[in-house]
Amino acid sequence: MAKAAVVILAGTEGHANLGRIVNGLETAKEFAETDGDEIELIFDGAGTQWIPELEDPDSDPHELYQAVKDDASACDYCSGAFGVDDAVNDSGVVRLDDHDGHPSIRSLVDDGYEVITF
């Protein structure tokens, strides 16, 4: 049994960041599909910009995102800072604010999660 927190920090600009989101989603999916594993998928910083993109059915990684969406959450503060508040609310993705408006990475580590960033 593995516990992993996949944190998406890469924004939506550029081909390299498209690669990061696809790799992050694929990693989250692998954990989600493995019996006994626990996965947290967290959109943080500029990564919160991906939520409206991924919610669009015409987006290339949309289907991959749908496979792990139930495990997804987003930084509350960063959702506002990067202008995607409404999209995050509309998506139904849980907003995390347990450390000054941000997700607590320390809590994840304390709970035994391996933190992987993209």
PDB file of N, CA and C in Angstrom:
ATOM      1  N   MET A   1       0.842  -1.183   0.000  1.00  0.00           N
ATOM      2  CA  MET A   1       0.000   0.000   0.000  1.00  0.00           C
ATOM      3  C   MET A   1       0.886   1.245   0.000  1.00  0.00           C
ATOM      4  N   ALA A   2       0.621   2.131  -0.937  1.00  0.00           N
ATOM      5  CA  ALA A   2       1.368   3.384  -1.050  1.00  0.00           C
ATOM      6  C   ALA A   2       0.424   4.554  -0.832  1.00  0.00           C
ATOM      7  N   LYS A   3       0.982   5.640  -0.328  1.00  0.00           N
ATOM      8  CA  LYS A   3       0.229   6.885  -0.154  1.00  0.00           C
ATOM      9  C   LYS A   3       1.008   7.983  -0.871  1.00  0.00           C
ATOM     10  N   ALA A   4       0.363   8.618  -1.836  1.00  0.00           N
ATOM     11  CA  ALA A   4       1.044   9.654  -2.611  1.00  0.00           C
ATOM     12  C   ALA A   4       0.162  10.890  -2.742  1.00  0.00           C
ATOM     13  N   ALA A   5       0.813  12.029  -2.695  1.00  0.00           N
ATOM     14  CA  ALA A   5       0.162  13.307  -2.969  1.00  0.00           C
ATOM     15  C   ALA A   5       0.828  13.878  -4.212  1.00  0.00           C
ATOM     16  N   VAL A   6       0.070  13.947  -5.299  1.00  0.00           N
ATOM     17  CA  VAL A   6       0.562  14.525  -6.545  1.00  0.00           C
ATOM     18  C   VAL A   6       0.133  15.991  -6.543  1.00  0.00           C
ATOM     19  N   VAL A   7       1.121  16.882  -6.552  1.00  0.00           N
ATOM     20  CA  VAL A   7       0.857  18.315  -6.492  1.00  0.00           C
ATOM     21  C   VAL A   7       1.198  18.923  -7.847  1.00  0.00           C
ATOM     22  N   ILE A   8       0.191  19.525  -8.478  1.00  0.00           N
ATOM     23  CA  ILE A   8       0.362  20.178  -9.777  1.00  0.00           C
ATOM     24  C   ILE A   8       0.647  21.657  -9.526  1.00  0.00           C
ATOM     25  N   LEU A   9       1.854  22.084  -9.847  1.00  0.00           N
ATOM     26  CA  LEU A   9       2.263  23.481  -9.672  1.00  0.00           C
ATOM     27  C   LEU A   9       2.404  24.213 -11.006  1.00  0.00           C
ATOM     28  N   ALA A  10       2.566  23.451 -12.085  1.00  0.00           N
ATOM     29  CA  ALA A  10       2.794  24.035 -13.407  1.00  0.00           C
ATOM     30  C   ALA A  10       1.546  24.732 -13.922  1.00  0.00           C
ATOM     31  N   GLY A  11       1.726  25.921 -14.465  1.00  0.00           N
ATOM     32  CA  GLY A  11       0.623  26.668 -15.061  1.00  0.00           C
ATOM     33  C   GLY A  11       0.282  26.138 -16.449  1.00  0.00           C
ATOM     34  N   THR A  12      -0.595  26.831 -17.118  1.00  0.00           N
ATOM     35  CA  THR A  12      -1.127  26.360 -18.396  1.00  0.00           C
ATOM     36  C   THR A  12      -0.328  26.836 -19.614  1.00  0.00           C
ATOM     37  N   GLU A  13       0.646  27.692 -19.405  1.00  0.00           N
ATOM     38  CA  GLU A  13       1.397  28.249 -20.534  1.00  0.00           C
ATOM     39  C   GLU A  13       2.503  27.319 -20.989  1.00  0.00           C
ATOM     40  N   GLY A  14       2.547  27.041 -22.266  1.00  0.00           N
ATOM     41  CA  GLY A  14       3.669  26.328 -22.859  1.00  0.00           C
ATOM     42  C   GLY A  14       3.499  24.827 -22.969  1.00  0.00           C
ATOM     43  N   HIS A  15       4.202  24.274 -23.941  1.00  0.00           N
ATOM     44  CA  HIS A  15       4.153  22.848 -24.235  1.00  0.00           C
ATOM     45  C   HIS A  15       4.714  22.012 -23.081  1.00  0.00           C
ATOM     46  N   ALA A  16       5.756  22.500 -22.419  1.00  0.00           N
ATOM     47  CA  ALA A  16       6.360  21.762 -21.308  1.00  0.00           C
ATOM     48  C   ALA A  16       5.355  21.580 -20.168  1.00  0.00           C
ATOM     49  N   ASN A  17       4.550  22.594 -19.911  1.00  0.00           N
ATOM     50  CA  ASN A  17       3.557  22.489 -18.843  1.00  0.00           C
ATOM     51  C   ASN A  17       2.424  21.540 -19.209  1.00  0.00           C
ATOM     52  N   LEU A  18       2.104  21.424 -20.486  1.00  0.00           N
ATOM     53  CA  LEU A  18       1.132  20.423 -20.918  1.00  0.00           C
ATOM     54  C   LEU A  18       1.669  19.030 -20.598  1.00  0.00           C
ATOM     55  N   GLY A  19       2.950  18.832 -20.832  1.00  0.00           N
ATOM     56  CA  GLY A  19       3.581  17.562 -20.483  1.00  0.00           C
ATOM     57  C   GLY A  19       3.528  17.306 -18.991  1.00  0.00           C
ATOM     58  N   ARG A  20       3.729  18.340 -18.193  1.00  0.00           N
ATOM     59  CA  ARG A  20       3.690  18.188 -16.729  1.00  0.00           C
ATOM     60  C   ARG A  20       2.296  17.791 -16.254  1.00  0.00           C
ATOM     61  N   ILE A  21       1.250  18.420 -16.797  1.00  0.00           N
ATOM     62  CA  ILE A  21      -0.097  18.079 -16.335  1.00  0.00           C
ATOM     63  C   ILE A  21      -0.459  16.650 -16.751  1.00  0.00           C
ATOM     64  N   VAL A  22      -0.113  16.264 -17.949  1.00  0.00           N
ATOM     65  CA  VAL A  22      -0.415  14.902 -18.396  1.00  0.00           C
ATOM     66  C   VAL A  22       0.346  13.890 -17.534  1.00  0.00           C
ATOM     67  N   ASN A  23       1.624  14.141 -17.270  1.00  0.00           N
ATOM     68  CA  ASN A  23       2.395  13.225 -16.431  1.00  0.00           C
ATOM     69  C   ASN A  23       1.854  13.184 -15.006  1.00  0.00           C
ATOM     70  N   GLY A  24       1.457  14.327 -14.475  1.00  0.00           N
ATOM     71  CA  GLY A  24       0.878  14.355 -13.136  1.00  0.00           C
ATOM     72  C   GLY A  24      -0.429  13.590 -13.052  1.00  0.00           C
ATOM     73  N   LEU A  25      -1.293  13.775 -14.050  1.00  0.00           N
ATOM     74  CA  LEU A  25      -2.564  13.058 -14.075  1.00  0.00           C
ATOM     75  C   LEU A  25      -2.358  11.561 -14.266  1.00  0.00           C
ATOM     76  N   GLU A  26      -1.423  11.185 -15.115  1.00  0.00           N
ATOM     77  CA  GLU A  26      -1.115   9.765 -15.318  1.00  0.00           C
ATOM     78  C   GLU A  26      -0.597   9.132 -14.029  1.00  0.00           C
ATOM     79  N   THR A  27       0.243   9.861 -13.310  1.00  0.00           N
ATOM     80  CA  THR A  27       0.767   9.362 -12.046  1.00  0.00           C
ATOM     81  C   THR A  27      -0.360   9.178 -11.041  1.00  0.00           C
ATOM     82  N   ALA A  28      -1.228  10.175 -10.933  1.00  0.00           N
ATOM     83  CA  ALA A  28      -2.370  10.071 -10.010  1.00  0.00           C
ATOM     84  C   ALA A  28      -3.262   8.898 -10.394  1.00  0.00           C
ATOM     85  N   LYS A  29      -3.481   8.708 -11.676  1.00  0.00           N
ATOM     86  CA  LYS A  29      -4.334   7.619 -12.149  1.00  0.00           C
ATOM     87  C   LYS A  29      -3.744   6.257 -11.796  1.00  0.00           C
ATOM     88  N   GLU A  30      -2.433   6.125 -11.934  1.00  0.00           N
ATOM     89  CA  GLU A  30      -1.790   4.850 -11.601  1.00  0.00           C
ATOM     90  C   GLU A  30      -2.022   4.492 -10.135  1.00  0.00           C
ATOM     91  N   PHE A  31      -1.871   5.464  -9.247  1.00  0.00           N
ATOM     92  CA  PHE A  31      -2.128   5.214  -7.827  1.00  0.00           C
ATOM     93  C   PHE A  31      -3.612   4.920  -7.587  1.00  0.00           C
ATOM     94  N   ALA A  32      -4.480   5.680  -8.250  1.00  0.00           N
ATOM     95  CA  ALA A  32      -5.933   5.507  -8.055  1.00  0.00           C
ATOM     96  C   ALA A  32      -6.390   4.120  -8.495  1.00  0.00           C
ATOM     97  N   GLU A  33      -5.744   3.560  -9.496  1.00  0.00           N
ATOM     98  CA  GLU A  33      -6.148   2.260 -10.037  1.00  0.00           C
ATOM     99  C   GLU A  33      -5.536   1.071  -9.289  1.00  0.00           C
ATOM    100  N   THR A  34      -4.630   1.347  -8.365  1.00  0.00           N
ATOM    101  CA  THR A  34      -3.964   0.273  -7.632  1.00  0.00           C
ATOM    102  C   THR A  34      -4.664   0.051  -6.298  1.00  0.00           C
ATOM    103  N   ASP A  35      -5.220  -1.141  -6.128  1.00  0.00           N
ATOM    104  CA  ASP A  35      -5.933  -1.463  -4.888  1.00  0.00           C
ATOM    105  C   ASP A  35      -5.037  -1.248  -3.680  1.00  0.00           C
ATOM    106  N   GLY A  36      -5.596  -0.560  -2.686  1.00  0.00           N
ATOM    107  CA  GLY A  36      -4.876  -0.319  -1.447  1.00  0.00           C
ATOM    108  C   GLY A  36      -4.084   0.970  -1.416  1.00  0.00           C
ATOM    109  N   ASP A  37      -3.820   1.568  -2.578  1.00  0.00           N
ATOM    110  CA  ASP A  37      -3.086   2.835  -2.607  1.00  0.00           C
ATOM    111  C   ASP A  37      -4.022   3.989  -2.266  1.00  0.00           C
ATOM    112  N   GLU A  38      -3.438   5.036  -1.713  1.00  0.00           N
ATOM    113  CA  GLU A  38      -4.179   6.270  -1.442  1.00  0.00           C
ATOM    114  C   GLU A  38      -3.529   7.390  -2.239  1.00  0.00           C
ATOM    115  N   ILE A  39      -4.371   8.209  -2.857  1.00  0.00           N
ATOM    116  CA  ILE A  39      -3.871   9.307  -3.691  1.00  0.00           C
ATOM    117  C   ILE A  39      -4.592  10.605  -3.353  1.00  0.00           C
ATOM    118  N   GLU A  40      -3.830  11.660  -3.296  1.00  0.00           N
ATOM    119  CA  GLU A  40      -4.353  13.020  -3.208  1.00  0.00           C
ATOM    120  C   GLU A  40      -3.807  13.752  -4.426  1.00  0.00           C
ATOM    121  N   LEU A  41      -4.672  14.363  -5.209  1.00  0.00           N
ATOM    122  CA  LEU A  41      -4.265  15.173  -6.356  1.00  0.00           C
ATOM    123  C   LEU A  41      -4.580  16.615  -6.004  1.00  0.00           C
ATOM    124  N   ILE A  42      -3.535  17.432  -5.896  1.00  0.00           N
ATOM    125  CA  ILE A  42      -3.707  18.811  -5.435  1.00  0.00           C
ATOM    126  C   ILE A  42      -3.227  19.786  -6.506  1.00  0.00           C
ATOM    127  N   PHE A  43      -4.112  20.686  -6.906  1.00  0.00           N
ATOM    128  CA  PHE A  43      -3.763  21.775  -7.810  1.00  0.00           C
ATOM    129  C   PHE A  43      -3.403  22.974  -6.943  1.00  0.00           C
ATOM    130  N   ASP A  44      -2.154  23.415  -7.041  1.00  0.00           N
ATOM    131  CA  ASP A  44      -1.650  24.477  -6.180  1.00  0.00           C
ATOM    132  C   ASP A  44      -0.922  25.508  -7.033  1.00  0.00           C
ATOM    133  N   GLY A  45      -0.818  26.721  -6.535  1.00  0.00           N
ATOM    134  CA  GLY A  45      -0.138  27.771  -7.276  1.00  0.00           C
ATOM    135  C   GLY A  45      -0.758  27.941  -8.656  1.00  0.00           C
ATOM    136  N   ALA A  46       0.105  28.137  -9.659  1.00  0.00           N
ATOM    137  CA  ALA A  46      -0.380  28.302 -11.033  1.00  0.00           C
ATOM    138  C   ALA A  46      -1.092  27.057 -11.544  1.00  0.00           C
ATOM    139  N   GLY A  47      -0.885  25.926 -10.884  1.00  0.00           N
ATOM    140  CA  GLY A  47      -1.559  24.691 -11.272  1.00  0.00           C
ATOM    141  C   GLY A  47      -3.073  24.776 -11.194  1.00  0.00           C
ATOM    142  N   THR A  48      -3.580  25.702 -10.373  1.00  0.00           N
ATOM    143  CA  THR A  48      -5.036  25.870 -10.273  1.00  0.00           C
ATOM    144  C   THR A  48      -5.634  26.323 -11.605  1.00  0.00           C
ATOM    145  N   GLN A  49      -4.813  26.929 -12.467  1.00  0.00           N
ATOM    146  CA  GLN A  49      -5.290  27.375 -13.782  1.00  0.00           C
ATOM    147  C   GLN A  49      -5.733  26.210 -14.660  1.00  0.00           C
ATOM    148  N   TRP A  50      -5.290  25.010 -14.349  1.00  0.00           N
ATOM    149  CA  TRP A  50      -5.646  23.850 -15.160  1.00  0.00           C
ATOM    150  C   TRP A  50      -7.098  23.430 -14.986  1.00  0.00           C
ATOM    151  N   ILE A  51      -7.702  23.739 -13.867  1.00  0.00           N
ATOM    152  CA  ILE A  51      -9.047  23.225 -13.602  1.00  0.00           C
ATOM    153  C   ILE A  51     -10.041  23.633 -14.685  1.00  0.00           C
ATOM    154  N   PRO A  52     -10.162  24.919 -15.057  1.00  0.00           N
ATOM    155  CA  PRO A  52     -11.117  25.232 -16.135  1.00  0.00           C
ATOM    156  C   PRO A  52     -10.753  24.559 -17.457  1.00  0.00           C
ATOM    157  N   GLU A  53      -9.461  24.418 -17.734  1.00  0.00           N
ATOM    158  CA  GLU A  53      -9.023  23.744 -18.961  1.00  0.00           C
ATOM    159  C   GLU A  53      -9.449  22.272 -18.940  1.00  0.00           C
ATOM    160  N   LEU A  54      -9.220  21.612 -17.819  1.00  0.00           N
ATOM    161  CA  LEU A  54      -9.503  20.184 -17.708  1.00  0.00           C
ATOM    162  C   LEU A  54     -10.992  19.882 -17.656  1.00  0.00           C
ATOM    163  N   GLU A  55     -11.776  20.824 -17.198  1.00  0.00           N
ATOM    164  CA  GLU A  55     -13.235  20.656 -17.156  1.00  0.00           C
ATOM    165  C   GLU A  55     -13.851  20.714 -18.549  1.00  0.00           C
ATOM    166  N   ASP A  56     -13.136  21.313 -19.497  1.00  0.00           N
ATOM    167  CA  ASP A  56     -13.627  21.446 -20.875  1.00  0.00           C
ATOM    168  C   ASP A  56     -13.556  20.089 -21.577  1.00  0.00           C
ATOM    169  N   PRO A  57     -14.703  19.532 -21.995  1.00  0.00           N
ATOM    170  CA  PRO A  57     -14.700  18.225 -22.656  1.00  0.00           C
ATOM    171  C   PRO A  57     -13.853  18.174 -23.929  1.00  0.00           C
ATOM    172  N   ASP A  58     -13.564  19.324 -24.535  1.00  0.00           N
ATOM    173  CA  ASP A  58     -12.747  19.366 -25.745  1.00  0.00           C
ATOM    174  C   ASP A  58     -11.248  19.412 -25.453  1.00  0.00           C
ATOM    175  N   SER A  59     -10.897  19.526 -24.183  1.00  0.00           N
ATOM    176  CA  SER A  59      -9.489  19.556 -23.789  1.00  0.00           C
ATOM    177  C   SER A  59      -8.872  18.172 -23.951  1.00  0.00           C
ATOM    178  N   ASP A  60      -7.658  18.115 -24.496  1.00  0.00           N
ATOM    179  CA  ASP A  60      -6.996  16.822 -24.714  1.00  0.00           C
ATOM    180  C   ASP A  60      -6.899  15.974 -23.445  1.00  0.00           C
ATOM    181  N   PRO A  61      -6.492  16.549 -22.288  1.00  0.00           N
ATOM    182  CA  PRO A  61      -6.383  15.700 -21.092  1.00  0.00           C
ATOM    183  C   PRO A  61      -7.680  15.571 -20.287  1.00  0.00           C
ATOM    184  N   HIS A  62      -8.818  15.996 -20.844  1.00  0.00           N
ATOM    185  CA  HIS A  62     -10.098  15.962 -20.108  1.00  0.00           C
ATOM    186  C   HIS A  62     -10.448  14.565 -19.605  1.00  0.00           C
ATOM    187  N   GLU A  63     -10.352  13.564 -20.466  1.00  0.00           N
ATOM    188  CA  GLU A  63     -10.734  12.208 -20.082  1.00  0.00           C
ATOM    189  C   GLU A  63      -9.824  11.676 -18.963  1.00  0.00           C
ATOM    190  N   LEU A  64      -8.552  11.969 -19.055  1.00  0.00           N
ATOM    191  CA  LEU A  64      -7.605  11.564 -18.028  1.00  0.00           C
ATOM    192  C   LEU A  64      -7.939  12.233 -16.692  1.00  0.00           C
ATOM    193  N   TYR A  65      -8.257  13.506 -16.746  1.00  0.00           N
ATOM    194  CA  TYR A  65      -8.666  14.251 -15.552  1.00  0.00           C
ATOM    195  C   TYR A  65      -9.924  13.644 -14.940  1.00  0.00           C
ATOM    196  N   GLN A  66     -10.888  13.281 -15.767  1.00  0.00           N
ATOM    197  CA  GLN A  66     -12.130  12.697 -15.260  1.00  0.00           C
ATOM    198  C   GLN A  66     -11.857  11.406 -14.485  1.00  0.00           C
ATOM    199  N   ALA A  67     -10.825  10.680 -14.871  1.00  0.00           N
ATOM    200  CA  ALA A  67     -10.487   9.419 -14.203  1.00  0.00           C
ATOM    201  C   ALA A  67      -9.996   9.634 -12.773  1.00  0.00           C
ATOM    202  N   VAL A  68      -9.495  10.841 -12.449  1.00  0.00           N
ATOM    203  CA  VAL A  68      -8.941  11.107 -11.114  1.00  0.00           C
ATOM    204  C   VAL A  68      -9.587  12.300 -10.412  1.00  0.00           C
ATOM    205  N   LYS A  69     -10.601  12.858 -11.018  1.00  0.00           N
ATOM    206  CA  LYS A  69     -11.220  14.065 -10.474  1.00  0.00           C
ATOM    207  C   LYS A  69     -11.728  13.883  -9.046  1.00  0.00           C
ATOM    208  N   ASP A  70     -12.225  12.710  -8.716  1.00  0.00           N
ATOM    209  CA  ASP A  70     -12.744  12.477  -7.366  1.00  0.00           C
ATOM    210  C   ASP A  70     -11.657  12.581  -6.302  1.00  0.00           C
ATOM    211  N   ASP A  71     -10.408  12.480  -6.698  1.00  0.00           N
ATOM    212  CA  ASP A  71      -9.286  12.581  -5.769  1.00  0.00           C
ATOM    213  C   ASP A  71      -8.667  13.979  -5.772  1.00  0.00           C
ATOM    214  N   ALA A  72      -9.264  14.912  -6.513  1.00  0.00           N
ATOM    215  CA  ALA A  72      -8.666  16.232  -6.722  1.00  0.00           C
ATOM    216  C   ALA A  72      -9.126  17.252  -5.690  1.00  0.00           C
ATOM    217  N   SER A  73      -8.222  18.190  -5.416  1.00  0.00           N
ATOM    218  CA  SER A  73      -8.512  19.350  -4.584  1.00  0.00           C
ATOM    219  C   SER A  73      -7.675  20.517  -5.116  1.00  0.00           C
ATOM    220  N   ALA A  74      -7.999  21.713  -4.649  1.00  0.00           N
ATOM    221  CA  ALA A  74      -7.292  22.905  -5.125  1.00  0.00           C
ATOM    222  C   ALA A  74      -7.012  23.842  -3.962  1.00  0.00           C
ATOM    223  N   CYS A  75      -5.916  24.553  -4.055  1.00  0.00           N
ATOM    224  CA  CYS A  75      -5.566  25.564  -3.065  1.00  0.00           C
ATOM    225  C   CYS A  75      -6.606  26.687  -3.115  1.00  0.00           C
ATOM    226  N   ASP A  76      -7.191  26.973  -1.974  1.00  0.00           N
ATOM    227  CA  ASP A  76      -8.210  28.024  -1.885  1.00  0.00           C
ATOM    228  C   ASP A  76      -7.618  29.387  -2.246  1.00  0.00           C
ATOM    229  N   TYR A  77      -6.506  29.734  -1.629  1.00  0.00           N
ATOM    230  CA  TYR A  77      -5.897  31.027  -1.875  1.00  0.00           C
ATOM    231  C   TYR A  77      -5.486  31.180  -3.341  1.00  0.00           C
ATOM    232  N   CYS A  78      -4.808  30.165  -3.864  1.00  0.00           N
ATOM    233  CA  CYS A  78      -4.288  30.249  -5.234  1.00  0.00           C
ATOM    234  C   CYS A  78      -5.398  30.287  -6.281  1.00  0.00           C
ATOM    235  N   SER A  79      -6.522  29.657  -5.987  1.00  0.00           N
ATOM    236  CA  SER A  79      -7.659  29.721  -6.910  1.00  0.00           C
ATOM    237  C   SER A  79      -8.084  31.168  -7.131  1.00  0.00           C
ATOM    238  N   GLY A  80      -8.085  31.935  -6.063  1.00  0.00           N
ATOM    239  CA  GLY A  80      -8.413  33.358  -6.171  1.00  0.00           C
ATOM    240  C   GLY A  80      -7.287  34.157  -6.803  1.00  0.00           C
ATOM    241  N   ALA A  81      -6.069  33.878  -6.392  1.00  0.00           N
ATOM    242  CA  ALA A  81      -4.908  34.630  -6.877  1.00  0.00           C
ATOM    243  C   ALA A  81      -4.705  34.446  -8.377  1.00  0.00           C
ATOM    244  N   PHE A  82      -5.057  33.277  -8.901  1.00  0.00           N
ATOM    245  CA  PHE A  82      -4.880  33.015 -10.330  1.00  0.00           C
ATOM    246  C   PHE A  82      -6.177  33.167 -11.121  1.00  0.00           C
ATOM    247  N   GLY A  83      -7.208  33.735 -10.498  1.00  0.00           N
ATOM    248  CA  GLY A  83      -8.429  34.111 -11.215  1.00  0.00           C
ATOM    249  C   GLY A  83      -9.321  32.965 -11.654  1.00  0.00           C
ATOM    250  N   VAL A  84      -9.280  31.841 -10.943  1.00  0.00           N
ATOM    251  CA  VAL A  84     -10.100  30.696 -11.343  1.00  0.00           C
ATOM    252  C   VAL A  84     -11.103  30.280 -10.257  1.00  0.00           C
ATOM    253  N   ASP A  85     -11.422  31.213  -9.366  1.00  0.00           N
ATOM    254  CA  ASP A  85     -12.383  30.938  -8.289  1.00  0.00           C
ATOM    255  C   ASP A  85     -13.676  30.307  -8.802  1.00  0.00           C
ATOM    256  N   ASP A  86     -14.305  30.949  -9.767  1.00  0.00           N
ATOM    257  CA  ASP A  86     -15.592  30.464 -10.272  1.00  0.00           C
ATOM    258  C   ASP A  86     -15.469  29.082 -10.903  1.00  0.00           C
ATOM    259  N   ALA A  87     -14.417  28.867 -11.666  1.00  0.00           N
ATOM    260  CA  ALA A  87     -14.222  27.572 -12.317  1.00  0.00           C
ATOM    261  C   ALA A  87     -14.006  26.468 -11.291  1.00  0.00           C
ATOM    262  N   VAL A  88     -13.251  26.760 -10.239  1.00  0.00           N
ATOM    263  CA  VAL A  88     -13.021  25.762  -9.186  1.00  0.00           C
ATOM    264  C   VAL A  88     -14.335  25.469  -8.478  1.00  0.00           C
ATOM    265  N   ASN A  89     -15.089  26.504  -8.161  1.00  0.00           N
ATOM    266  CA  ASN A  89     -16.390  26.291  -7.516  1.00  0.00           C
ATOM    267  C   ASN A  89     -17.324  25.476  -8.401  1.00  0.00           C
ATOM    268  N   ASP A  90     -17.381  25.818  -9.685  1.00  0.00           N
ATOM    269  CA  ASP A  90     -18.256  25.103 -10.628  1.00  0.00           C
ATOM    270  C   ASP A  90     -17.846  23.647 -10.808  1.00  0.00           C
ATOM    271  N   SER A  91     -16.548  23.364 -10.677  1.00  0.00           N
ATOM    272  CA  SER A  91     -16.043  22.010 -10.894  1.00  0.00           C
ATOM    273  C   SER A  91     -16.414  21.050  -9.769  1.00  0.00           C
ATOM    274  N   GLY A  92     -16.670  21.607  -8.601  1.00  0.00           N
ATOM    275  CA  GLY A  92     -16.941  20.758  -7.444  1.00  0.00           C
ATOM    276  C   GLY A  92     -15.682  20.226  -6.781  1.00  0.00           C
ATOM    277  N   VAL A  93     -14.512  20.647  -7.256  1.00  0.00           N
ATOM    278  CA  VAL A  93     -13.250  20.239  -6.649  1.00  0.00           C
ATOM    279  C   VAL A  93     -13.163  20.871  -5.256  1.00  0.00           C
ATOM    280  N   VAL A  94     -12.755  20.066  -4.286  1.00  0.00           N
ATOM    281  CA  VAL A  94     -12.624  20.531  -2.902  1.00  0.00           C
ATOM    282  C   VAL A  94     -11.530  21.586  -2.829  1.00  0.00           C
ATOM    283  N   ARG A  95     -11.789  22.630  -2.042  1.00  0.00           N
ATOM    284  CA  ARG A  95     -10.807  23.694  -1.841  1.00  0.00           C
ATOM    285  C   ARG A  95     -10.105  23.454  -0.503  1.00  0.00           C
ATOM    286  N   LEU A  96      -8.790  23.536  -0.510  1.00  0.00           N
ATOM    287  CA  LEU A  96      -8.008  23.322   0.706  1.00  0.00           C
ATOM    288  C   LEU A  96      -7.477  24.649   1.232  1.00  0.00           C
ATOM    289  N   ASP A  97      -7.616  24.837   2.544  1.00  0.00           N
ATOM    290  CA  ASP A  97      -7.138  26.081   3.152  1.00  0.00           C
ATOM    291  C   ASP A  97      -6.614  25.841   4.567  1.00  0.00           C
ATOM    292  N   ASP A  98      -6.060  24.654   4.800  1.00  0.00           N
ATOM    293  CA  ASP A  98      -5.693  24.290   6.157  1.00  0.00           C
ATOM    294  C   ASP A  98      -4.386  24.897   6.665  1.00  0.00           C
ATOM    295  N   HIS A  99      -3.654  25.624   5.831  1.00  0.00           N
ATOM    296  CA  HIS A  99      -2.443  26.313   6.278  1.00  0.00           C
ATOM    297  C   HIS A  99      -2.411  27.709   5.661  1.00  0.00           C
ATOM    298  N   ASP A 100      -2.992  28.670   6.366  1.00  0.00           N
ATOM    299  CA  ASP A 100      -3.032  30.064   5.895  1.00  0.00           C
ATOM    300  C   ASP A 100      -3.614  30.192   4.498  1.00  0.00           C
ATOM    301  N   GLY A 101      -4.680  29.447   4.216  1.00  0.00           N
ATOM    302  CA  GLY A 101      -5.348  29.512   2.920  1.00  0.00           C
ATOM    303  C   GLY A 101      -4.803  28.544   1.887  1.00  0.00           C
ATOM    304  N   HIS A 102      -3.778  27.799   2.258  1.00  0.00           N
ATOM    305  CA  HIS A 102      -3.111  26.869   1.350  1.00  0.00           C
ATOM    306  C   HIS A 102      -3.245  25.438   1.863  1.00  0.00           C
ATOM    307  N   PRO A 103      -2.990  24.454   1.003  1.00  0.00           N
ATOM    308  CA  PRO A 103      -2.934  23.069   1.488  1.00  0.00           C
ATOM    309  C   PRO A 103      -1.725  22.914   2.418  1.00  0.00           C
ATOM    310  N   SER A 104      -1.837  22.066   3.402  1.00  0.00           N
ATOM    311  CA  SER A 104      -0.712  21.816   4.306  1.00  0.00           C
ATOM    312  C   SER A 104       0.092  20.622   3.808  1.00  0.00           C
ATOM    313  N   ILE A 105       1.247  20.904   3.231  1.00  0.00           N
ATOM    314  CA  ILE A 105       2.139  19.841   2.780  1.00  0.00           C
ATOM    315  C   ILE A 105       2.685  19.097   3.993  1.00  0.00           C
ATOM    316  N   ARG A 106       2.937  19.808   5.083  1.00  0.00           N
ATOM    317  CA  ARG A 106       3.434  19.174   6.294  1.00  0.00           C
ATOM    318  C   ARG A 106       2.457  18.131   6.806  1.00  0.00           C
ATOM    319  N   SER A 107       1.163  18.424   6.753  1.00  0.00           N
ATOM    320  CA  SER A 107       0.160  17.452   7.191  1.00  0.00           C
ATOM    321  C   SER A 107       0.187  16.197   6.327  1.00  0.00           C
ATOM    322  N   LEU A 108       0.384  16.381   5.036  1.00  0.00           N
ATOM    323  CA  LEU A 108       0.481  15.228   4.137  1.00  0.00           C
ATOM    324  C   LEU A 108       1.673  14.351   4.508  1.00  0.00           C
ATOM    325  N   VAL A 109       2.809  14.984   4.734  1.00  0.00           N
ATOM    326  CA  VAL A 109       4.013  14.246   5.117  1.00  0.00           C
ATOM    327  C   VAL A 109       3.785  13.550   6.454  1.00  0.00           C
ATOM    328  N   ASP A 110       3.185  14.262   7.404  1.00  0.00           N
ATOM    329  CA  ASP A 110       2.903  13.697   8.725  1.00  0.00           C
ATOM    330  C   ASP A 110       1.970  12.483   8.625  1.00  0.00           C
ATOM    331  N   ASP A 111       1.068  12.507   7.644  1.00  0.00           N
ATOM    332  CA  ASP A 111       0.135  11.391   7.429  1.00  0.00           C
ATOM    333  C   ASP A 111       0.738  10.268   6.585  1.00  0.00           C
ATOM    334  N   GLY A 112       2.020  10.388   6.249  1.00  0.00           N
ATOM    335  CA  GLY A 112       2.704   9.320   5.536  1.00  0.00           C
ATOM    336  C   GLY A 112       2.641   9.381   4.022  1.00  0.00           C
ATOM    337  N   TYR A 113       2.204  10.512   3.464  1.00  0.00           N
ATOM    338  CA  TYR A 113       2.143  10.654   2.007  1.00  0.00           C
ATOM    339  C   TYR A 113       3.515  11.009   1.442  1.00  0.00           C
ATOM    340  N   GLU A 114       3.853  10.400   0.326  1.00  0.00           N
ATOM    341  CA  GLU A 114       5.004  10.797  -0.468  1.00  0.00           C
ATOM    342  C   GLU A 114       4.508  11.937  -1.360  1.00  0.00           C
ATOM    343  N   VAL A 115       5.190  13.082  -1.333  1.00  0.00           N
ATOM    344  CA  VAL A 115       4.755  14.239  -2.106  1.00  0.00           C
ATOM    345  C   VAL A 115       5.541  14.274  -3.422  1.00  0.00           C
ATOM    346  N   ILE A 116       4.797  14.295  -4.529  1.00  0.00           N
ATOM    347  CA  ILE A 116       5.379  14.311  -5.870  1.00  0.00           C
ATOM    348  C   ILE A 116       4.859  15.572  -6.559  1.00  0.00           C
ATOM    349  N   THR A 117       5.767  16.390  -7.058  1.00  0.00           N
ATOM    350  CA  THR A 117       5.351  17.645  -7.683  1.00  0.00           C
ATOM    351  C   THR A 117       5.563  17.619  -9.194  1.00  0.00           C
ATOM    352  N   PHE A 118       4.644  18.271  -9.887  1.00  0.00           N
ATOM    353  CA  PHE A 118       4.715  18.442 -11.339  1.00  0.00           C
ATOM    354  C   PHE A 118       4.480  19.905 -11.661  1.00  0.00           C
TER     355      PHE A 118
END
